[in-house]
C-alpha atoms as a PDB file:
ATOM      1  CA  MET A   1     -31.007 -26.427 -45.840  1.00  0.00           C
ATOM      2  CA  SER A   2     -29.269 -26.057 -42.690  1.00  0.00           C
ATOM      3  CA  SER A   3     -27.626 -22.755 -42.204  1.00  0.00           C
ATOM      4  CA  PRO A   4     -23.725 -22.952 -41.768  1.00  0.00           C
ATOM      5  CA  ALA A   5     -22.391 -23.298 -38.289  1.00  0.00           C
ATOM      6  CA  GLN A   6     -21.806 -20.282 -36.756  1.00  0.00           C
ATOM      7  CA  PRO A   7     -18.088 -19.948 -35.430  1.00  0.00           C
ATOM      8  CA  SER A   8     -17.771 -19.970 -31.592  1.00  0.00           C
ATOM      9  CA  PRO A   9     -17.763 -16.584 -30.029  1.00  0.00           C
ATOM     10  CA  MET A  10     -14.478 -15.448 -28.701  1.00  0.00           C
ATOM     11  CA  PRO A  11     -14.403 -15.896 -24.872  1.00  0.00           C
ATOM     12  CA  SER A  12     -15.073 -12.541 -23.197  1.00  0.00           C
ATOM     13  CA  PRO A  13     -12.038 -11.000 -21.141  1.00  0.00           C
ATOM     14  CA  ARG A  14     -12.019 -11.765 -17.517  1.00  0.00           C
ATOM     15  CA  ALA A  15     -13.504  -8.642 -15.707  1.00  0.00           C
ATOM     16  CA  PRO A  16     -10.676  -6.644 -14.004  1.00  0.00           C
ATOM     17  CA  SER A  17     -10.221  -7.118 -10.224  1.00  0.00           C
ATOM     18  CA  PRO A  18     -11.713  -4.222  -8.273  1.00  0.00           C
ATOM     19  CA  THR A  19      -9.129  -1.655  -7.152  1.00  0.00           C
ATOM     20  CA  LEU A  20      -7.969  -2.571  -3.599  1.00  0.00           C
ATOM     21  CA  PRO A  21      -6.402  -0.043  -1.296  1.00  0.00           C
ATOM     22  CA  SER A  22      -3.052   1.041  -1.911  1.00  0.00           C
ATOM     23  CA  PRO A  23      -0.482   0.417   0.990  1.00  0.00           C
ATOM     24  CA  THR A  24       0.229   3.119   3.439  1.00  0.00           C
ATOM     25  CA  LEU A  25       2.979   3.201   6.126  1.00  0.00           C
ATOM     26  CA  ARG A  26       1.779   4.425   9.660  1.00  0.00           C
ATOM     27  CA  ILE A  27       4.532   4.695  12.424  1.00  0.00           C
ATOM     28  CA  ARG A  28       3.259   5.297  16.096  1.00  0.00           C
ATOM     29  CA  GLY A  29       5.263   5.728  19.159  1.00  0.00           C
ATOM     30  CA  LEU A  30       8.329   3.871  17.695  1.00  0.00           C
ATOM     31  CA  THR A  31      11.109   3.390  20.126  1.00  0.00           C
ATOM     32  CA  LYS A  32      14.460   1.738  19.943  1.00  0.00           C
ATOM     33  CA  ARG A  33      17.115   1.475  22.467  1.00  0.00           C
ATOM     34  CA  PHE A  34      20.716  -0.094  22.240  1.00  0.00           C
ATOM     35  CA  THR A  35      22.650  -1.465  25.132  1.00  0.00           C
ATOM     36  CA  ASN A  36      26.484  -0.778  25.004  1.00  0.00           C
ATOM     37  CA  HIS A  37      28.060  -3.588  26.819  1.00  0.00           C
ATOM     38  CA  LEU A  38      31.409  -2.294  26.240  1.00  0.00           C
ATOM     39  CA  ARG A  39      30.405   0.654  28.454  1.00  0.00           C
ATOM     40  CA  GLY A  40      29.275  -1.330  31.365  1.00  0.00           C
ATOM     41  CA  GLY A  41      25.711  -1.812  29.824  1.00  0.00           C
ATOM     42  CA  VAL A  42      24.740   1.735  29.181  1.00  0.00           C
ATOM     43  CA  THR A  43      21.515   2.181  27.415  1.00  0.00           C
ATOM     44  CA  ARG A  44      20.755   4.663  24.759  1.00  0.00           C
ATOM     45  CA  ALA A  45      17.351   5.401  23.259  1.00  0.00           C
ATOM     46  CA  VAL A  46      18.094   5.967  19.307  1.00  0.00           C
ATOM     47  CA  LEU A  47      14.257   6.335  18.522  1.00  0.00           C
ATOM     48  CA  ARG A  48      11.675   8.058  21.247  1.00  0.00           C
ATOM     49  CA  GLY A  49       8.275   7.684  20.252  1.00  0.00           C
ATOM     50  CA  VAL A  50       8.363   8.478  16.660  1.00  0.00           C
ATOM     51  CA  ASP A  51       5.177   9.159  14.801  1.00  0.00           C
ATOM     52  CA  LEU A  52       5.276   9.288  11.056  1.00  0.00           C
ATOM     53  CA  ASP A  53       2.905   8.548   8.118  1.00  0.00           C
ATOM     54  CA  VAL A  54       4.010   7.854   4.424  1.00  0.00           C
ATOM     55  CA  GLU A  55       1.137   7.676   2.056  1.00  0.00           C
ATOM     56  CA  PRO A  56       0.894   5.933  -1.515  1.00  0.00           C
ATOM     57  CA  GLY A  57       2.661   8.109  -3.977  1.00  0.00           C
ATOM     58  CA  GLN A  58       4.299  10.217  -1.594  1.00  0.00           C
ATOM     59  CA  CYS A  59       8.256  10.726  -0.929  1.00  0.00           C
ATOM     60  CA  VAL A  60       9.147  11.530   2.961  1.00  0.00           C
ATOM     61  CA  ALA A  61      12.956  12.409   3.316  1.00  0.00           C
ATOM     62  CA  LEU A  62      14.300  12.087   6.607  1.00  0.00           C
ATOM     63  CA  THR A  63      17.187  14.510   7.356  1.00  0.00           C
ATOM     64  CA  GLY A  64      19.062  15.079  10.905  1.00  0.00           C
ATOM     65  CA  ALA A  65      22.644  14.908  12.090  1.00  0.00           C
ATOM     66  CA  SER A  66      24.659  11.490  12.201  1.00  0.00           C
ATOM     67  CA  GLY A  67      23.278   9.586  15.111  1.00  0.00           C
ATOM     68  CA  SER A  68      19.830  11.101  15.137  1.00  0.00           C
ATOM     69  CA  GLY A  69      18.207   7.670  14.400  1.00  0.00           C
ATOM     70  CA  LYS A  70      17.491   7.962  10.524  1.00  0.00           C
ATOM     71  CA  SER A  71      18.797   4.689   9.648  1.00  0.00           C
ATOM     72  CA  SER A  72      17.469   2.968  12.675  1.00  0.00           C
ATOM     73  CA  LEU A  73      14.049   4.394  11.911  1.00  0.00           C
ATOM     74  CA  LEU A  74      14.502   2.530   8.335  1.00  0.00           C
ATOM     75  CA  ARG A  75      15.989  -0.691   9.856  1.00  0.00           C
ATOM     76  CA  CYS A  76      13.004  -1.031  12.335  1.00  0.00           C
ATOM     77  CA  VAL A  77      10.498  -0.587   9.394  1.00  0.00           C
ATOM     78  CA  TYR A  78      12.241  -3.182   7.588  1.00  0.00           C
ATOM     79  CA  GLY A  79      12.617  -5.623  10.432  1.00  0.00           C
ATOM     80  CA  THR A  80      16.503  -5.526  10.632  1.00  0.00           C
ATOM     81  CA  TYR A  81      15.944  -4.037  13.898  1.00  0.00           C
ATOM     82  CA  THR A  82      13.310  -5.199  16.503  1.00  0.00           C
ATOM     83  CA  ALA A  83      11.537  -2.001  17.799  1.00  0.00           C
ATOM     84  CA  ASP A  84      11.244  -1.913  21.583  1.00  0.00           C
ATOM     85  CA  ALA A  85       7.825  -0.168  21.577  1.00  0.00           C
ATOM     86  CA  GLY A  86       5.329   1.393  19.138  1.00  0.00           C
ATOM     87  CA  SER A  87       3.743   0.036  16.092  1.00  0.00           C
ATOM     88  CA  ILE A  88       4.567   0.030  12.241  1.00  0.00           C
ATOM     89  CA  HIS A  89       1.573  -0.598  10.263  1.00  0.00           C
ATOM     90  CA  LEU A  90       1.873  -1.449   6.629  1.00  0.00           C
ATOM     91  CA  ARG A  91      -1.615  -1.333   4.691  1.00  0.00           C
ATOM     92  CA  THR A  92      -1.828  -3.674   1.797  1.00  0.00           C
ATOM     93  CA  ALA A  93      -4.625  -4.907  -0.356  1.00  0.00           C
ATOM     94  CA  ALA A  94      -4.474  -8.050   1.848  1.00  0.00           C
ATOM     95  CA  GLY A  95      -4.853  -6.316   5.063  1.00  0.00           C
ATOM     96  CA  THR A  96      -2.816  -4.283   7.423  1.00  0.00           C
ATOM     97  CA  VAL A  97       0.307  -5.935   9.158  1.00  0.00           C
ATOM     98  CA  ASP A  98       2.179  -4.550  12.379  1.00  0.00           C
ATOM     99  CA  LEU A  99       5.772  -5.016  11.116  1.00  0.00           C
ATOM    100  CA  ALA A 100       6.804  -4.210  15.045  1.00  0.00           C
ATOM    101  CA  THR A 101       5.448  -7.550  16.033  1.00  0.00           C
ATOM    102  CA  ALA A 102       5.061  -9.749  13.036  1.00  0.00           C
ATOM    103  CA  PRO A 103       6.529 -13.126  12.938  1.00  0.00           C
ATOM    104  CA  ASP A 104       9.558 -13.662  10.728  1.00  0.00           C
ATOM    105  CA  ARG A 105       7.564 -15.694   8.173  1.00  0.00           C
ATOM    106  CA  GLU A 106       5.371 -12.912   7.833  1.00  0.00           C
ATOM    107  CA  LEU A 107       8.129 -10.460   7.514  1.00  0.00           C
ATOM    108  CA  ILE A 108       9.603 -12.520   4.569  1.00  0.00           C
ATOM    109  CA  ARG A 109       6.374 -12.472   2.829  1.00  0.00           C
ATOM    110  CA  VAL A 110       5.992  -8.813   3.225  1.00  0.00           C
ATOM    111  CA  ARG A 111       9.447  -8.048   1.912  1.00  0.00           C
ATOM    112  CA  ARG A 112       9.139 -10.121  -1.089  1.00  0.00           C
ATOM    113  CA  ASP A 113       5.452  -8.539  -2.101  1.00  0.00           C
ATOM    114  CA  HIS A 114       5.125  -5.232  -0.462  1.00  0.00           C
ATOM    115  CA  LEU A 115       8.390  -3.793   1.139  1.00  0.00           C
ATOM    116  CA  GLY A 116      11.871  -3.180  -0.286  1.00  0.00           C
ATOM    117  CA  MET A 117      14.804  -1.433   1.225  1.00  0.00           C
ATOM    118  CA  VAL A 118      17.920  -0.056  -0.637  1.00  0.00           C
ATOM    119  CA  THR A 119      21.150   0.563   1.408  1.00  0.00           C
ATOM    120  CA  GLN A 120      24.707   1.629   0.462  1.00  0.00           C
ATOM    121  CA  PHE A 121      25.834  -1.783   0.502  1.00  0.00           C
ATOM    122  CA  LEU A 122      25.434  -4.856  -2.134  1.00  0.00           C
ATOM    123  CA  SER A 123      24.923  -8.165  -0.466  1.00  0.00           C
ATOM    124  CA  VAL A 124      24.485 -10.805  -3.135  1.00  0.00           C
ATOM    125  CA  PRO A 125      25.530 -14.589  -3.940  1.00  0.00           C
ATOM    126  CA  PRO A 126      29.129 -14.567  -5.252  1.00  0.00           C
ATOM    127  CA  ARG A 127      29.847 -15.504  -9.046  1.00  0.00           C
ATOM    128  CA  VAL A 128      26.328 -14.564 -10.076  1.00  0.00           C
ATOM    129  CA  SER A 129      26.314 -12.020 -13.082  1.00  0.00           C
ATOM    130  CA  ALA A 130      24.584  -8.296 -12.446  1.00  0.00           C
ATOM    131  CA  ARG A 131      21.993  -9.344 -15.212  1.00  0.00           C
ATOM    132  CA  ASP A 132      21.160 -12.583 -13.634  1.00  0.00           C
ATOM    133  CA  LEU A 133      20.812 -11.083  -9.978  1.00  0.00           C
ATOM    134  CA  VAL A 134      18.239  -8.555 -11.481  1.00  0.00           C
ATOM    135  CA  ALA A 135      16.492 -11.156 -13.704  1.00  0.00           C
ATOM    136  CA  GLU A 136      15.786 -13.529 -10.764  1.00  0.00           C
ATOM    137  CA  ARG A 137      13.608 -10.864  -9.287  1.00  0.00           C
ATOM    138  CA  GLY A 138      10.998 -11.436 -11.904  1.00  0.00           C
ATOM    139  CA  LEU A 139      12.520  -9.946 -14.866  1.00  0.00           C
ATOM    140  CA  GLY A 140      13.590 -11.854 -18.037  1.00  0.00           C
ATOM    141  CA  PRO A 141      17.332 -11.361 -19.038  1.00  0.00           C
ATOM    142  CA  GLU A 142      16.369  -8.665 -21.540  1.00  0.00           C
ATOM    143  CA  ALA A 143      14.396  -6.653 -19.396  1.00  0.00           C
ATOM    144  CA  ALA A 144      17.057  -7.053 -16.719  1.00  0.00           C
ATOM    145  CA  ALA A 145      19.765  -5.721 -18.834  1.00  0.00           C
ATOM    146  CA  GLU A 146      17.670  -2.900 -20.290  1.00  0.00           C
ATOM    147  CA  LEU A 147      16.864  -1.825 -16.620  1.00  0.00           C
ATOM    148  CA  LEU A 148      20.830  -1.968 -15.733  1.00  0.00           C
ATOM    149  CA  ALA A 149      21.638  -0.056 -19.000  1.00  0.00           C
ATOM    150  CA  ARG A 150      19.043   2.614 -18.090  1.00  0.00           C
ATOM    151  CA  LEU A 151      20.500   3.176 -14.665  1.00  0.00           C
ATOM    152  CA  GLY A 152      23.847   3.754 -16.361  1.00  0.00           C
ATOM    153  CA  LEU A 153      25.844   0.439 -16.008  1.00  0.00           C
ATOM    154  CA  ASP A 154      28.030  -0.372 -19.006  1.00  0.00           C
ATOM    155  CA  PRO A 155      26.572  -3.228 -20.976  1.00  0.00           C
ATOM    156  CA  ALA A 156      29.936  -4.870 -21.002  1.00  0.00           C
ATOM    157  CA  LEU A 157      29.488  -5.220 -17.229  1.00  0.00           C
ATOM    158  CA  HIS A 158      26.081  -7.060 -17.324  1.00  0.00           C
ATOM    159  CA  GLY A 159      27.263 -10.675 -17.520  1.00  0.00           C
ATOM    160  CA  LEU A 160      30.008 -10.093 -14.836  1.00  0.00           C
ATOM    161  CA  ALA A 161      29.629 -10.743 -10.929  1.00  0.00           C
ATOM    162  CA  PRO A 162      29.458  -7.523  -9.086  1.00  0.00           C
ATOM    163  CA  ALA A 163      32.281  -8.442  -7.187  1.00  0.00           C
ATOM    164  CA  THR A 164      34.811  -6.793  -9.693  1.00  0.00           C
ATOM    165  CA  PHE A 165      32.636  -3.500  -9.925  1.00  0.00           C
ATOM    166  CA  SER A 166      33.465  -0.270  -8.336  1.00  0.00           C
ATOM    167  CA  GLY A 167      31.505   1.048  -5.439  1.00  0.00           C
ATOM    168  CA  GLY A 168      29.233   3.171  -7.717  1.00  0.00           C
ATOM    169  CA  GLU A 169      28.754   0.109 -10.133  1.00  0.00           C
ATOM    170  CA  ARG A 170      27.760  -2.353  -7.299  1.00  0.00           C
ATOM    171  CA  GLN A 171      25.328   0.455  -6.161  1.00  0.00           C
ATOM    172  CA  LEU A 172      23.515   0.609  -9.693  1.00  0.00           C
ATOM    173  CA  VAL A 173      23.199  -3.277  -9.390  1.00  0.00           C
ATOM    174  CA  ASN A 174      21.779  -2.818  -5.784  1.00  0.00           C
ATOM    175  CA  ILE A 175      19.220  -0.225  -6.924  1.00  0.00           C
ATOM    176  CA  ALA A 176      18.170  -2.265 -10.129  1.00  0.00           C
ATOM    177  CA  ILE A 177      17.451  -5.297  -7.968  1.00  0.00           C
ATOM    178  CA  ALA A 178      15.163  -3.121  -5.924  1.00  0.00           C
ATOM    179  CA  LEU A 179      13.327  -1.667  -8.824  1.00  0.00           C
ATOM    180  CA  ALA A 180      12.927  -5.038 -10.795  1.00  0.00           C
ATOM    181  CA  ARG A 181       9.967  -6.063  -8.743  1.00  0.00           C
ATOM    182  CA  PRO A 182       7.607  -3.256  -8.132  1.00  0.00           C
ATOM    183  CA  ARG A 183       6.541  -3.015  -4.507  1.00  0.00           C
ATOM    184  CA  PRO A 184       4.406  -0.415  -2.777  1.00  0.00           C
ATOM    185  CA  VAL A 185       6.783   0.728  -0.180  1.00  0.00           C
ATOM    186  CA  LEU A 186      10.544   1.589  -0.605  1.00  0.00           C
ATOM    187  CA  LEU A 187      13.028   2.431   2.065  1.00  0.00           C
ATOM    188  CA  LEU A 188      16.064   4.417   0.639  1.00  0.00           C
ATOM    189  CA  ASP A 189      19.206   4.694   2.860  1.00  0.00           C
ATOM    190  CA  GLU A 190      21.738   7.333   1.006  1.00  0.00           C
ATOM    191  CA  ILE A 191      21.534   5.168  -2.119  1.00  0.00           C
ATOM    192  CA  THR A 192      22.867   7.860  -4.376  1.00  0.00           C
ATOM    193  CA  ALA A 193      25.925   8.680  -2.210  1.00  0.00           C
ATOM    194  CA  SER A 194      28.569   6.693  -4.121  1.00  0.00           C
ATOM    195  CA  LEU A 195      27.269   7.742  -7.663  1.00  0.00           C
ATOM    196  CA  ASP A 196      28.240  10.498 -10.011  1.00  0.00           C
ATOM    197  CA  ARG A 197      26.184  13.402 -10.797  1.00  0.00           C
ATOM    198  CA  HIS A 198      24.935  11.938 -14.107  1.00  0.00           C
ATOM    199  CA  ARG A 199      23.923   8.578 -12.655  1.00  0.00           C
ATOM    200  CA  ARG A 200      22.600   9.980  -9.746  1.00  0.00           C
ATOM    201  CA  ALA A 201      20.259  12.089 -11.790  1.00  0.00           C
ATOM    202  CA  THR A 202      19.105   8.993 -13.733  1.00  0.00           C
ATOM    203  CA  VAL A 203      18.480   7.226 -10.345  1.00  0.00           C
ATOM    204  CA  LEU A 204      16.539  10.074  -9.099  1.00  0.00           C
ATOM    205  CA  ARG A 205      14.309  10.158 -12.106  1.00  0.00           C
ATOM    206  CA  ALA A 206      13.569   6.461 -12.000  1.00  0.00           C
ATOM    207  CA  LEU A 207      12.510   6.775  -8.278  1.00  0.00           C
ATOM    208  CA  ALA A 208      10.234   9.876  -9.143  1.00  0.00           C
ATOM    209  CA  GLU A 209       8.472   7.481 -11.833  1.00  0.00           C
ATOM    210  CA  ARG A 210       7.973   4.968  -9.158  1.00  0.00           C
ATOM    211  CA  LYS A 211       6.580   7.518  -6.836  1.00  0.00           C
ATOM    212  CA  ALA A 212       4.144   8.631  -9.688  1.00  0.00           C
ATOM    213  CA  ASP A 213       3.067   5.094 -10.241  1.00  0.00           C
ATOM    214  CA  GLY A 214       2.010   4.956  -6.619  1.00  0.00           C
ATOM    215  CA  THR A 215       5.018   3.933  -4.599  1.00  0.00           C
ATOM    216  CA  ALA A 216       5.653   5.281  -1.223  1.00  0.00           C
ATOM    217  CA  LEU A 217       9.227   6.236  -0.533  1.00  0.00           C
ATOM    218  CA  LEU A 218      10.810   6.753   2.859  1.00  0.00           C
ATOM    219  CA  ALA A 219      14.292   7.956   2.417  1.00  0.00           C
ATOM    220  CA  ILE A 220      17.739   9.399   3.502  1.00  0.00           C
ATOM    221  CA  PHE A 221      19.657  11.287   1.083  1.00  0.00           C
ATOM    222  CA  HIS A 222      23.233  12.170   1.271  1.00  0.00           C
ATOM    223  CA  GLU A 223      22.493  15.393  -0.443  1.00  0.00           C
ATOM    224  CA  MET A 224      18.882  16.622  -0.969  1.00  0.00           C
ATOM    225  CA  PRO A 225      17.969  16.000  -4.300  1.00  0.00           C
ATOM    226  CA  ASP A 226      16.702  18.768  -6.774  1.00  0.00           C
ATOM    227  CA  GLN A 227      14.791  16.254  -8.808  1.00  0.00           C
ATOM    228  CA  PRO A 228      11.670  18.181  -9.491  1.00  0.00           C
ATOM    229  CA  GLY A 229       8.251  16.309  -7.808  1.00  0.00           C
ATOM    230  CA  LEU A 230      10.245  13.782  -5.911  1.00  0.00           C
ATOM    231  CA  ILE A 231      10.162  14.951  -2.562  1.00  0.00           C
ATOM    232  CA  ASP A 232       6.939  15.831  -0.806  1.00  0.00           C
ATOM    233  CA  ARG A 233       7.851  16.299   2.776  1.00  0.00           C
ATOM    234  CA  ILE A 234      10.885  16.675   4.770  1.00  0.00           C
ATOM    235  CA  CYS A 235      11.228  15.329   8.319  1.00  0.00           C
ATOM    236  CA  ARG A 236      14.041  16.350  10.612  1.00  0.00           C
ATOM    237  CA  LEU A 237      15.121  13.868  13.352  1.00  0.00           C
ATOM    238  CA  ASP A 238      16.717  15.193  16.606  1.00  0.00           C
ATOM    239  CA  ASP A 239      17.958  12.970  19.331  1.00  0.00           C
ATOM    240  CA  GLY A 240      15.382  10.140  17.900  1.00  0.00           C
ATOM    241  CA  ARG A 241      12.410  12.415  17.779  1.00  0.00           C
ATOM    242  CA  VAL A 242      10.584  13.966  14.583  1.00  0.00           C
ATOM    243  CA  LEU A 243      10.747  17.457  15.521  1.00  0.00           C
ATOM    244  CA  GLU A 244       9.559  19.194  12.427  1.00  0.00           C
ATOM    245  CA  ALA A 245       7.877  18.255   9.093  1.00  0.00           C
ATOM    246  CA  ALA A 246       7.137  20.384   5.996  1.00  0.00           C
END
């Protein structure tokens, strides 16, 4: 008498992919000049040979007077401004990209998968709800609503377009969009300036959690935050140069 058929073994789970190198931002000799055509073509160097490293899981805060080059530095990294000289190397699991010379198509890919930037201004399609704006970054509607609520946006506003929101409420949507898709490097340009104390603390905690997960943060703060464990180094820019770092 034949033995009963044995059940087919469960398929073994696929072996996890090997851990790949985490991204690192390395800036060398970064120079950016602007020409003022209203003043007879006067040229001013806003960044003068900046060298700076940001490691995975590290937050580097940029300080300096207005006009010292802080925002210009972030915009060069993100590709909004074109650098006149120097290199901006972003190391990813797929290899290293020089953002200073990368073609537009490569920059779009890098922004989608590896590099996010949050400013004080929200620029999104009109008549799209806050929840949908966040959800289309890779979250479902419920997860998008949860993120918005956690950051402090009133659930009654989730289904409305941000054009009707206050400045602080729009900024919460802006931050939620950036946090909806985990990216290894985040550039932050005074993103808490329009928030009240409670919401500012909530956002800073969320950033600290991302940093703990390995995200590299390069940030400008309106006021230096007191969130424990957030800032690792403070770099001061003066006349386009990094003069000191701690």
